[in-house]
Amino acid sequence: MTLGDQLRKLRDANDLSLRELAKQIGEVTAAHLSDIEFGRRYPSDELLKKLAVFFKVDEAELRVLDTRPPVEEIKRLALSDPAFGLALRKLVDKEITPEDVLKMTEGKSDRQKNQ
């Protein structure tokens, strides 16, 4: 299930149209909410919090469904430390799967072991 699917499910369970939800949340349009439900856009942190409060669900429950890549954070890391850029290029070049990356990250890094 995607974040958009979950939000649509919550909205439907509350018998709300996109327009009604937008009006009740405030500072967001029905079109913006529609784009989120269809996965064309993602909500800001502030909007995600508002939606969680409105639907009385844990924000973390919604955040888990937010699958967008942390592009800005990755860019920042690659620019601040060339080793990150090299490591990411190697992941792409070797066509390593997301499952492989998750397996690699299950163990502690050398830095974490030394702490």
N, C-alpha and C. Protein backbone atom coordinates (compact mmCIF):
# COMPACT_ATOMS: atom_id res chain seq x y z
N MET A 1 0.84 -1.18 0.00
CA MET A 1 0.00 0.00 0.00
C MET A 1 0.89 1.24 0.00
N THR A 2 0.51 2.21 -0.80
CA THR A 2 1.26 3.46 -0.87
C THR A 2 0.66 4.48 0.10
N LEU A 3 1.39 5.56 0.29
CA LEU A 3 0.89 6.65 1.12
C LEU A 3 -0.42 7.18 0.55
N GLY A 4 -0.47 7.37 -0.75
CA GLY A 4 -1.70 7.85 -1.40
C GLY A 4 -2.86 6.90 -1.20
N ASP A 5 -2.59 5.58 -1.31
CA ASP A 5 -3.64 4.58 -1.09
C ASP A 5 -4.20 4.69 0.33
N GLN A 6 -3.29 4.82 1.30
CA GLN A 6 -3.71 4.90 2.69
C GLN A 6 -4.53 6.17 2.95
N LEU A 7 -4.08 7.27 2.39
CA LEU A 7 -4.82 8.53 2.58
C LEU A 7 -6.21 8.44 1.93
N ARG A 8 -6.29 7.83 0.76
CA ARG A 8 -7.59 7.67 0.10
C ARG A 8 -8.49 6.76 0.95
N LYS A 9 -7.92 5.70 1.50
CA LYS A 9 -8.68 4.79 2.36
C LYS A 9 -9.22 5.53 3.59
N LEU A 10 -8.37 6.34 4.22
CA LEU A 10 -8.79 7.12 5.39
C LEU A 10 -9.88 8.13 5.02
N ARG A 11 -9.68 8.77 3.87
CA ARG A 11 -10.67 9.77 3.42
C ARG A 11 -12.01 9.10 3.13
N ASP A 12 -11.96 7.96 2.45
CA ASP A 12 -13.20 7.23 2.14
C ASP A 12 -13.89 6.74 3.41
N ALA A 13 -13.09 6.27 4.37
CA ALA A 13 -13.65 5.77 5.64
C ALA A 13 -14.36 6.89 6.39
N ASN A 14 -13.93 8.12 6.16
CA ASN A 14 -14.55 9.28 6.80
C ASN A 14 -15.60 9.94 5.90
N ASP A 15 -15.87 9.29 4.77
CA ASP A 15 -16.88 9.77 3.82
C ASP A 15 -16.66 11.23 3.43
N LEU A 16 -15.41 11.53 3.04
CA LEU A 16 -15.06 12.90 2.65
C LEU A 16 -14.64 12.95 1.19
N SER A 17 -15.04 13.99 0.51
CA SER A 17 -14.53 14.24 -0.83
C SER A 17 -13.17 14.93 -0.69
N LEU A 18 -12.45 15.00 -1.78
CA LEU A 18 -11.17 15.72 -1.76
C LEU A 18 -11.39 17.18 -1.39
N ARG A 19 -12.44 17.78 -1.93
CA ARG A 19 -12.72 19.19 -1.62
C ARG A 19 -13.04 19.39 -0.15
N GLU A 20 -13.84 18.48 0.40
CA GLU A 20 -14.19 18.60 1.83
C GLU A 20 -12.95 18.45 2.71
N LEU A 21 -12.10 17.49 2.37
CA LEU A 21 -10.88 17.30 3.15
C LEU A 21 -9.98 18.52 3.04
N ALA A 22 -9.81 19.04 1.84
CA ALA A 22 -8.97 20.23 1.64
C ALA A 22 -9.49 21.40 2.47
N LYS A 23 -10.78 21.57 2.49
CA LYS A 23 -11.39 22.66 3.25
C LYS A 23 -11.14 22.47 4.75
N GLN A 24 -11.28 21.25 5.23
CA GLN A 24 -11.11 21.00 6.66
C GLN A 24 -9.66 21.08 7.09
N ILE A 25 -8.75 20.64 6.23
CA ILE A 25 -7.31 20.70 6.56
C ILE A 25 -6.82 22.14 6.45
N GLY A 26 -7.26 22.84 5.42
CA GLY A 26 -6.84 24.22 5.20
C GLY A 26 -5.49 24.30 4.53
N GLU A 27 -5.27 25.38 3.80
CA GLU A 27 -3.99 25.66 3.13
C GLU A 27 -3.54 24.58 2.16
N VAL A 28 -4.50 23.82 1.61
CA VAL A 28 -4.19 22.82 0.60
C VAL A 28 -5.39 22.72 -0.33
N THR A 29 -5.13 22.42 -1.59
CA THR A 29 -6.22 22.31 -2.56
C THR A 29 -6.61 20.85 -2.77
N ALA A 30 -7.80 20.66 -3.29
CA ALA A 30 -8.26 19.31 -3.62
C ALA A 30 -7.35 18.70 -4.69
N ALA A 31 -6.91 19.52 -5.62
CA ALA A 31 -6.01 19.03 -6.68
C ALA A 31 -4.68 18.53 -6.10
N HIS A 32 -4.16 19.25 -5.12
CA HIS A 32 -2.92 18.83 -4.47
C HIS A 32 -3.13 17.49 -3.76
N LEU A 33 -4.23 17.37 -3.03
CA LEU A 33 -4.53 16.10 -2.35
C LEU A 33 -4.72 14.96 -3.35
N SER A 34 -5.34 15.26 -4.47
CA SER A 34 -5.52 14.25 -5.52
C SER A 34 -4.17 13.78 -6.04
N ASP A 35 -3.26 14.73 -6.28
CA ASP A 35 -1.92 14.37 -6.75
C ASP A 35 -1.20 13.49 -5.73
N ILE A 36 -1.40 13.75 -4.45
CA ILE A 36 -0.78 12.92 -3.41
C ILE A 36 -1.38 11.51 -3.45
N GLU A 37 -2.69 11.43 -3.56
CA GLU A 37 -3.34 10.12 -3.60
C GLU A 37 -2.91 9.30 -4.80
N PHE A 38 -2.65 9.96 -5.92
CA PHE A 38 -2.22 9.25 -7.13
C PHE A 38 -0.70 9.09 -7.22
N GLY A 39 0.03 9.55 -6.21
CA GLY A 39 1.48 9.37 -6.18
C GLY A 39 2.25 10.32 -7.07
N ARG A 40 1.61 11.38 -7.53
CA ARG A 40 2.30 12.34 -8.38
C ARG A 40 3.05 13.38 -7.56
N ARG A 41 2.65 13.53 -6.30
CA ARG A 41 3.29 14.47 -5.37
C ARG A 41 3.33 13.82 -4.00
N TYR A 42 4.15 14.39 -3.14
CA TYR A 42 4.22 13.95 -1.76
C TYR A 42 3.88 15.13 -0.86
N PRO A 43 3.28 14.85 0.28
CA PRO A 43 2.94 15.96 1.18
C PRO A 43 4.19 16.49 1.88
N SER A 44 4.16 17.76 2.21
CA SER A 44 5.23 18.33 3.03
C SER A 44 5.13 17.70 4.41
N ASP A 45 6.17 17.86 5.21
CA ASP A 45 6.13 17.34 6.57
C ASP A 45 4.97 17.94 7.34
N GLU A 46 4.74 19.23 7.14
CA GLU A 46 3.65 19.92 7.83
C GLU A 46 2.29 19.35 7.43
N LEU A 47 2.09 19.12 6.14
CA LEU A 47 0.82 18.58 5.67
C LEU A 47 0.64 17.14 6.16
N LEU A 48 1.70 16.36 6.15
CA LEU A 48 1.61 14.99 6.64
C LEU A 48 1.18 14.96 8.11
N LYS A 49 1.74 15.89 8.90
CA LYS A 49 1.35 15.99 10.31
C LYS A 49 -0.13 16.36 10.44
N LYS A 50 -0.57 17.33 9.63
CA LYS A 50 -1.97 17.75 9.67
C LYS A 50 -2.90 16.59 9.32
N LEU A 51 -2.52 15.82 8.31
CA LEU A 51 -3.34 14.69 7.90
C LEU A 51 -3.40 13.62 9.00
N ALA A 52 -2.27 13.36 9.62
CA ALA A 52 -2.23 12.37 10.70
C ALA A 52 -3.13 12.81 11.85
N VAL A 53 -3.03 14.07 12.24
CA VAL A 53 -3.87 14.59 13.33
C VAL A 53 -5.35 14.54 12.93
N PHE A 54 -5.63 14.98 11.71
CA PHE A 54 -7.03 15.00 11.25
C PHE A 54 -7.64 13.61 11.27
N PHE A 55 -6.89 12.61 10.77
CA PHE A 55 -7.42 11.25 10.69
C PHE A 55 -7.19 10.44 11.97
N LYS A 56 -6.55 11.08 12.96
CA LYS A 56 -6.28 10.44 14.25
C LYS A 56 -5.49 9.14 14.08
N VAL A 57 -4.41 9.24 13.29
CA VAL A 57 -3.49 8.12 13.11
C VAL A 57 -2.09 8.59 13.48
N ASP A 58 -1.24 7.64 13.78
CA ASP A 58 0.14 7.95 14.12
C ASP A 58 0.86 8.46 12.87
N GLU A 59 1.53 9.58 13.00
CA GLU A 59 2.27 10.14 11.87
C GLU A 59 3.29 9.15 11.34
N ALA A 60 3.93 8.39 12.23
CA ALA A 60 4.93 7.40 11.82
C ALA A 60 4.31 6.34 10.92
N GLU A 61 3.05 6.02 11.17
CA GLU A 61 2.32 5.04 10.35
C GLU A 61 2.22 5.52 8.91
N LEU A 62 2.01 6.82 8.73
CA LEU A 62 1.95 7.39 7.38
C LEU A 62 3.35 7.56 6.80
N ARG A 63 4.29 7.99 7.62
CA ARG A 63 5.65 8.25 7.15
C ARG A 63 6.30 6.99 6.57
N VAL A 64 5.98 5.83 7.14
CA VAL A 64 6.53 4.56 6.65
C VAL A 64 6.13 4.33 5.19
N LEU A 65 4.98 4.84 4.80
CA LEU A 65 4.48 4.65 3.44
C LEU A 65 5.04 5.68 2.45
N ASP A 66 5.78 6.65 2.94
CA ASP A 66 6.39 7.69 2.09
C ASP A 66 7.66 7.10 1.47
N THR A 67 7.56 6.71 0.21
CA THR A 67 8.64 5.98 -0.44
C THR A 67 9.59 6.84 -1.26
N ARG A 68 9.43 8.14 -1.20
CA ARG A 68 10.31 8.97 -2.03
C ARG A 68 11.76 8.86 -1.54
N PRO A 69 12.66 8.89 -2.46
CA PRO A 69 14.07 8.81 -2.07
C PRO A 69 14.52 10.11 -1.42
N PRO A 70 15.42 10.01 -0.47
CA PRO A 70 15.93 11.22 0.20
C PRO A 70 16.98 11.92 -0.67
N VAL A 71 16.54 12.40 -1.82
CA VAL A 71 17.44 12.94 -2.84
C VAL A 71 18.31 14.08 -2.30
N GLU A 72 17.71 15.03 -1.62
CA GLU A 72 18.49 16.18 -1.14
C GLU A 72 19.55 15.74 -0.13
N GLU A 73 19.19 14.81 0.75
CA GLU A 73 20.14 14.32 1.74
C GLU A 73 21.28 13.55 1.06
N ILE A 74 20.94 12.76 0.06
CA ILE A 74 21.96 12.01 -0.68
C ILE A 74 22.90 12.98 -1.40
N LYS A 75 22.34 14.01 -2.03
CA LYS A 75 23.17 15.02 -2.71
C LYS A 75 24.10 15.70 -1.72
N ARG A 76 23.56 16.07 -0.56
CA ARG A 76 24.37 16.75 0.45
C ARG A 76 25.52 15.85 0.90
N LEU A 77 25.23 14.59 1.16
CA LEU A 77 26.28 13.65 1.58
C LEU A 77 27.34 13.47 0.50
N ALA A 78 26.90 13.31 -0.73
CA ALA A 78 27.85 13.11 -1.84
C ALA A 78 28.73 14.33 -2.05
N LEU A 79 28.17 15.52 -1.86
CA LEU A 79 28.95 16.74 -2.02
C LEU A 79 29.91 16.98 -0.86
N SER A 80 29.48 16.59 0.34
CA SER A 80 30.33 16.84 1.52
C SER A 80 31.41 15.79 1.69
N ASP A 81 31.20 14.60 1.14
CA ASP A 81 32.18 13.52 1.28
C ASP A 81 32.22 12.74 -0.02
N PRO A 82 33.29 12.90 -0.81
CA PRO A 82 33.38 12.21 -2.10
C PRO A 82 33.25 10.69 -1.99
N ALA A 83 33.57 10.12 -0.84
CA ALA A 83 33.45 8.67 -0.67
C ALA A 83 32.00 8.23 -0.79
N PHE A 84 31.08 9.06 -0.32
CA PHE A 84 29.66 8.73 -0.47
C PHE A 84 29.29 8.70 -1.95
N GLY A 85 29.74 9.68 -2.70
CA GLY A 85 29.46 9.72 -4.13
C GLY A 85 29.99 8.49 -4.83
N LEU A 86 31.22 8.10 -4.50
CA LEU A 86 31.83 6.92 -5.10
C LEU A 86 31.03 5.67 -4.72
N ALA A 87 30.69 5.55 -3.44
CA ALA A 87 29.93 4.39 -2.99
C ALA A 87 28.58 4.29 -3.71
N LEU A 88 27.90 5.41 -3.86
CA LEU A 88 26.61 5.40 -4.55
C LEU A 88 26.76 5.05 -6.03
N ARG A 89 27.82 5.57 -6.66
CA ARG A 89 28.06 5.22 -8.07
C ARG A 89 28.31 3.73 -8.21
N LYS A 90 29.04 3.13 -7.28
CA LYS A 90 29.31 1.69 -7.33
C LYS A 90 28.02 0.89 -7.16
N LEU A 91 27.14 1.34 -6.29
CA LEU A 91 25.85 0.66 -6.12
C LEU A 91 25.09 0.65 -7.44
N VAL A 92 25.07 1.78 -8.11
CA VAL A 92 24.35 1.90 -9.38
C VAL A 92 25.03 1.07 -10.46
N ASP A 93 26.37 1.18 -10.57
CA ASP A 93 27.12 0.47 -11.61
C ASP A 93 26.97 -1.04 -11.48
N LYS A 94 26.94 -1.53 -10.27
CA LYS A 94 26.85 -2.99 -10.05
C LYS A 94 25.42 -3.49 -10.00
N GLU A 95 24.46 -2.57 -10.20
CA GLU A 95 23.04 -2.92 -10.22
C GLU A 95 22.63 -3.69 -8.96
N ILE A 96 23.08 -3.18 -7.82
CA ILE A 96 22.75 -3.80 -6.53
C ILE A 96 21.30 -3.50 -6.21
N THR A 97 20.59 -4.52 -5.75
CA THR A 97 19.16 -4.38 -5.48
C THR A 97 18.92 -3.69 -4.14
N PRO A 98 17.73 -3.14 -3.96
CA PRO A 98 17.40 -2.54 -2.65
C PRO A 98 17.50 -3.57 -1.53
N GLU A 99 17.13 -4.81 -1.81
CA GLU A 99 17.22 -5.86 -0.80
C GLU A 99 18.67 -6.09 -0.38
N ASP A 100 19.59 -6.05 -1.36
CA ASP A 100 21.02 -6.21 -1.05
C ASP A 100 21.52 -5.07 -0.16
N VAL A 101 21.09 -3.85 -0.47
CA VAL A 101 21.50 -2.69 0.34
C VAL A 101 20.99 -2.84 1.76
N LEU A 102 19.74 -3.26 1.91
CA LEU A 102 19.18 -3.44 3.25
C LEU A 102 19.94 -4.50 4.03
N LYS A 103 20.30 -5.59 3.35
CA LYS A 103 21.08 -6.64 4.02
C LYS A 103 22.44 -6.09 4.47
N MET A 104 23.05 -5.29 3.61
CA MET A 104 24.36 -4.72 3.95
C MET A 104 24.27 -3.80 5.16
N THR A 105 23.16 -3.11 5.30
CA THR A 105 23.03 -2.13 6.37
C THR A 105 22.53 -2.74 7.68
N GLU A 106 22.19 -4.02 7.67
CA GLU A 106 21.72 -4.65 8.90
C GLU A 106 22.82 -4.79 9.94
N GLY A 107 24.05 -4.98 9.49
CA GLY A 107 25.18 -5.06 10.41
C GLY A 107 25.64 -3.67 10.79
N LYS A 108 26.44 -3.58 11.82
CA LYS A 108 26.96 -2.28 12.25
C LYS A 108 28.15 -1.89 11.38
N SER A 109 28.25 -0.61 11.10
CA SER A 109 29.39 -0.10 10.36
C SER A 109 30.60 -0.07 11.28
N ASP A 110 31.78 0.08 10.70
CA ASP A 110 33.00 0.15 11.50
C ASP A 110 32.93 1.32 12.48
N ARG A 111 32.37 2.44 12.05
CA ARG A 111 32.27 3.61 12.92
C ARG A 111 31.34 3.31 14.09
N GLN A 112 30.20 2.62 13.84
CA GLN A 112 29.28 2.30 14.92
C GLN A 112 29.91 1.30 15.90
N LYS A 113 30.72 0.36 15.39
CA LYS A 113 31.36 -0.61 16.25
C LYS A 113 32.36 0.04 17.19
N ASN A 114 33.02 1.11 16.71
CA ASN A 114 34.03 1.78 17.51
C ASN A 114 33.44 2.75 18.54
N GLN A 115 32.15 3.00 18.46
CA GLN A 115 31.54 3.95 19.40
C GLN A 115 31.12 3.26 20.68
